[in-house]
């Protein structure tokens, strides 16, 4: 199974259909979110905090970011 961090390192998120279908603001929010995620400690809490921060900073809906990740995971699993 591919780890999300490995997918991002390989730039698969950037080249995915799910990512390319996002608005420019959402693309920036997703990129910024990955920059904020700290792989140390509680990864779930780190992701939740990053989603919260970028949604406020970019003025996007937190649910839209979470929906993007659902779509991305579905797309990556189907490969």
N, C-alpha and C. Protein backbone atom coordinates (compact mmCIF):
# COMPACT_ATOMS: atom_id res chain seq x y z
N UNK A 1 0.84 -1.17 0.00
CA UNK A 1 0.00 0.00 0.00
C UNK A 1 0.89 1.24 0.00
N UNK A 2 0.52 2.24 -0.79
CA UNK A 2 1.29 3.46 -0.90
C UNK A 2 0.92 4.42 0.22
N UNK A 3 1.92 4.98 0.86
CA UNK A 3 1.69 5.96 1.91
C UNK A 3 1.45 7.32 1.27
N UNK A 4 0.64 8.14 1.92
CA UNK A 4 0.33 9.46 1.39
C UNK A 4 1.61 10.28 1.24
N UNK A 5 2.52 10.18 2.20
CA UNK A 5 3.77 10.94 2.11
C UNK A 5 4.58 10.52 0.89
N UNK A 6 4.57 9.24 0.57
CA UNK A 6 5.30 8.73 -0.60
C UNK A 6 4.66 9.25 -1.88
N UNK A 7 3.33 9.29 -1.92
CA UNK A 7 2.63 9.82 -3.09
C UNK A 7 3.02 11.27 -3.31
N UNK A 8 3.05 12.05 -2.23
CA UNK A 8 3.38 13.46 -2.35
C UNK A 8 4.83 13.64 -2.78
N UNK A 9 5.74 12.84 -2.22
CA UNK A 9 7.16 12.93 -2.58
C UNK A 9 7.35 12.65 -4.07
N UNK A 10 6.56 11.75 -4.60
CA UNK A 10 6.68 11.39 -6.01
C UNK A 10 5.86 12.32 -6.90
N UNK A 11 5.28 13.37 -6.32
CA UNK A 11 4.46 14.36 -7.02
C UNK A 11 3.24 13.76 -7.71
N UNK A 12 2.78 12.61 -7.25
CA UNK A 12 1.58 12.03 -7.83
C UNK A 12 0.36 12.87 -7.52
N UNK A 13 0.34 13.54 -6.38
CA UNK A 13 -0.80 14.39 -6.04
C UNK A 13 -0.89 15.56 -7.01
N UNK A 14 0.24 16.10 -7.36
CA UNK A 14 0.27 17.26 -8.24
C UNK A 14 -0.17 16.88 -9.66
N UNK A 15 0.07 15.65 -10.07
CA UNK A 15 -0.27 15.20 -11.41
C UNK A 15 -1.58 14.44 -11.47
N UNK A 16 -2.31 14.39 -10.39
CA UNK A 16 -3.52 13.58 -10.36
C UNK A 16 -4.71 14.32 -10.96
N UNK A 17 -5.72 13.57 -11.36
CA UNK A 17 -6.96 14.16 -11.86
C UNK A 17 -7.65 14.94 -10.75
N UNK A 18 -7.62 14.37 -9.56
CA UNK A 18 -8.28 15.02 -8.42
C UNK A 18 -7.65 16.39 -8.14
N UNK A 19 -6.33 16.44 -8.12
CA UNK A 19 -5.65 17.71 -7.85
C UNK A 19 -5.88 18.69 -8.97
N UNK A 20 -5.77 18.24 -10.21
CA UNK A 20 -5.93 19.13 -11.35
C UNK A 20 -7.35 19.69 -11.47
N UNK A 21 -8.32 19.02 -10.88
CA UNK A 21 -9.70 19.51 -10.95
C UNK A 21 -10.00 20.59 -9.90
N UNK A 22 -9.07 20.82 -8.99
CA UNK A 22 -9.27 21.83 -7.95
C UNK A 22 -9.13 23.24 -8.50
N UNK A 23 -9.78 24.17 -7.83
CA UNK A 23 -9.60 25.59 -8.17
C UNK A 23 -8.18 26.00 -7.78
N UNK A 24 -7.69 27.09 -8.36
CA UNK A 24 -6.33 27.55 -8.00
C UNK A 24 -6.16 27.78 -6.49
N UNK A 25 -7.17 28.32 -5.83
CA UNK A 25 -7.07 28.56 -4.39
C UNK A 25 -6.97 27.24 -3.63
N UNK A 26 -7.77 26.26 -4.04
CA UNK A 26 -7.72 24.95 -3.37
C UNK A 26 -6.38 24.27 -3.60
N UNK A 27 -5.82 24.41 -4.79
CA UNK A 27 -4.49 23.83 -5.06
C UNK A 27 -3.46 24.41 -4.12
N UNK A 28 -3.50 25.71 -3.93
CA UNK A 28 -2.55 26.36 -3.01
C UNK A 28 -2.79 25.90 -1.58
N UNK A 29 -4.04 25.75 -1.20
CA UNK A 29 -4.36 25.30 0.16
C UNK A 29 -3.81 23.89 0.39
N UNK A 30 -3.97 23.00 -0.58
CA UNK A 30 -3.48 21.63 -0.44
C UNK A 30 -1.96 21.62 -0.37
N UNK A 31 -1.30 22.38 -1.22
CA UNK A 31 0.17 22.45 -1.19
C UNK A 31 0.65 22.97 0.17
N UNK A 32 0.01 24.02 0.65
CA UNK A 32 0.40 24.59 1.94
C UNK A 32 0.15 23.61 3.08
N UNK A 33 -0.93 22.84 2.97
CA UNK A 33 -1.24 21.87 4.01
C UNK A 33 -0.11 20.86 4.15
N UNK A 34 0.38 20.37 3.02
CA UNK A 34 1.47 19.39 3.09
C UNK A 34 2.74 19.99 3.66
N UNK A 35 2.96 21.27 3.44
CA UNK A 35 4.13 21.93 4.02
C UNK A 35 4.02 22.00 5.55
N UNK A 36 2.79 22.09 6.05
CA UNK A 36 2.57 22.23 7.49
C UNK A 36 2.58 20.91 8.24
N UNK A 37 2.34 19.81 7.54
CA UNK A 37 2.24 18.52 8.22
C UNK A 37 3.59 18.10 8.76
N UNK A 38 3.60 17.80 10.03
CA UNK A 38 4.80 17.32 10.71
C UNK A 38 4.65 15.81 10.87
N UNK A 39 5.60 15.04 10.37
CA UNK A 39 5.52 13.58 10.43
C UNK A 39 5.86 13.02 11.80
N UNK A 40 6.14 13.86 12.75
CA UNK A 40 6.46 13.40 14.09
C UNK A 40 5.24 13.55 14.98
N UNK A 41 5.07 12.66 15.91
CA UNK A 41 3.94 12.73 16.83
C UNK A 41 2.69 12.14 16.23
N UNK A 42 1.57 12.68 16.60
CA UNK A 42 0.27 12.19 16.18
C UNK A 42 -0.05 12.72 14.78
N UNK A 43 0.11 11.91 13.76
CA UNK A 43 -0.06 12.34 12.37
C UNK A 43 -1.49 12.80 12.11
N UNK A 44 -2.46 12.13 12.72
CA UNK A 44 -3.86 12.51 12.50
C UNK A 44 -4.10 13.92 13.03
N UNK A 45 -3.61 14.19 14.22
CA UNK A 45 -3.75 15.52 14.79
C UNK A 45 -3.00 16.56 13.95
N UNK A 46 -1.82 16.20 13.47
CA UNK A 46 -1.05 17.11 12.63
C UNK A 46 -1.80 17.46 11.34
N UNK A 47 -2.42 16.46 10.72
CA UNK A 47 -3.18 16.70 9.49
C UNK A 47 -4.40 17.56 9.79
N UNK A 48 -5.12 17.23 10.85
CA UNK A 48 -6.30 18.02 11.22
C UNK A 48 -5.94 19.48 11.49
N UNK A 49 -4.84 19.70 12.18
CA UNK A 49 -4.39 21.08 12.46
C UNK A 49 -4.01 21.80 11.18
N UNK A 50 -3.33 21.10 10.28
CA UNK A 50 -2.92 21.71 9.01
C UNK A 50 -4.14 22.07 8.17
N UNK A 51 -5.13 21.18 8.13
CA UNK A 51 -6.36 21.46 7.38
C UNK A 51 -7.05 22.69 7.95
N UNK A 52 -7.13 22.75 9.25
CA UNK A 52 -7.76 23.89 9.92
C UNK A 52 -7.05 25.20 9.58
N UNK A 53 -5.73 25.20 9.65
CA UNK A 53 -4.96 26.43 9.39
C UNK A 53 -5.09 26.88 7.95
N UNK A 54 -4.93 25.96 6.99
CA UNK A 54 -4.98 26.39 5.58
C UNK A 54 -6.39 26.77 5.15
N UNK A 55 -7.39 26.14 5.75
CA UNK A 55 -8.76 26.51 5.38
C UNK A 55 -9.06 27.95 5.81
N UNK A 56 -8.57 28.33 6.98
CA UNK A 56 -8.75 29.70 7.45
C UNK A 56 -7.90 30.68 6.64
N UNK A 57 -6.64 30.31 6.39
CA UNK A 57 -5.73 31.21 5.69
C UNK A 57 -6.19 31.48 4.26
N UNK A 58 -6.63 30.43 3.56
CA UNK A 58 -7.04 30.56 2.15
C UNK A 58 -8.54 30.82 2.01
N UNK A 59 -9.25 30.88 3.13
CA UNK A 59 -10.68 31.12 3.14
C UNK A 59 -11.42 30.08 2.27
N UNK A 60 -11.10 28.81 2.52
CA UNK A 60 -11.78 27.70 1.84
C UNK A 60 -12.45 26.83 2.89
N UNK A 61 -13.43 26.09 2.44
CA UNK A 61 -14.18 25.23 3.34
C UNK A 61 -13.34 24.01 3.72
N UNK A 62 -13.26 23.76 5.00
CA UNK A 62 -12.50 22.61 5.51
C UNK A 62 -13.03 21.30 4.93
N UNK A 63 -14.34 21.21 4.77
CA UNK A 63 -14.94 20.01 4.20
C UNK A 63 -14.50 19.78 2.76
N UNK A 64 -14.26 20.86 2.01
CA UNK A 64 -13.79 20.73 0.63
C UNK A 64 -12.40 20.12 0.57
N UNK A 65 -11.55 20.49 1.51
CA UNK A 65 -10.21 19.90 1.57
C UNK A 65 -10.31 18.42 1.91
N UNK A 66 -11.14 18.10 2.87
CA UNK A 66 -11.31 16.69 3.25
C UNK A 66 -11.91 15.88 2.11
N UNK A 67 -12.83 16.47 1.38
CA UNK A 67 -13.43 15.79 0.22
C UNK A 67 -12.38 15.55 -0.86
N UNK A 68 -11.50 16.53 -1.05
CA UNK A 68 -10.41 16.34 -2.01
C UNK A 68 -9.58 15.12 -1.63
N UNK A 69 -9.24 14.97 -0.36
CA UNK A 69 -8.43 13.83 0.05
C UNK A 69 -9.17 12.51 -0.14
N UNK A 70 -10.46 12.51 0.08
CA UNK A 70 -11.24 11.31 -0.19
C UNK A 70 -11.15 10.95 -1.67
N UNK A 71 -11.32 11.95 -2.54
CA UNK A 71 -11.23 11.73 -3.98
C UNK A 71 -9.84 11.26 -4.39
N UNK A 72 -8.83 11.89 -3.78
CA UNK A 72 -7.43 11.53 -4.11
C UNK A 72 -7.13 10.09 -3.72
N UNK A 73 -7.56 9.71 -2.54
CA UNK A 73 -7.32 8.32 -2.10
C UNK A 73 -8.03 7.31 -3.00
N UNK A 74 -9.25 7.61 -3.36
CA UNK A 74 -9.99 6.72 -4.29
C UNK A 74 -9.23 6.60 -5.61
N UNK A 75 -8.75 7.72 -6.12
CA UNK A 75 -8.02 7.72 -7.39
C UNK A 75 -6.74 6.91 -7.28
N UNK A 76 -6.00 7.08 -6.19
CA UNK A 76 -4.73 6.38 -6.03
C UNK A 76 -4.93 4.89 -5.84
N UNK A 77 -6.00 4.50 -5.17
CA UNK A 77 -6.28 3.09 -4.96
C UNK A 77 -6.65 2.39 -6.26
N UNK A 78 -7.34 3.12 -7.15
CA UNK A 78 -7.76 2.54 -8.42
C UNK A 78 -6.62 2.33 -9.39
N UNK A 79 -5.46 2.94 -9.17
CA UNK A 79 -4.32 2.79 -10.09
C UNK A 79 -3.82 1.40 -10.17
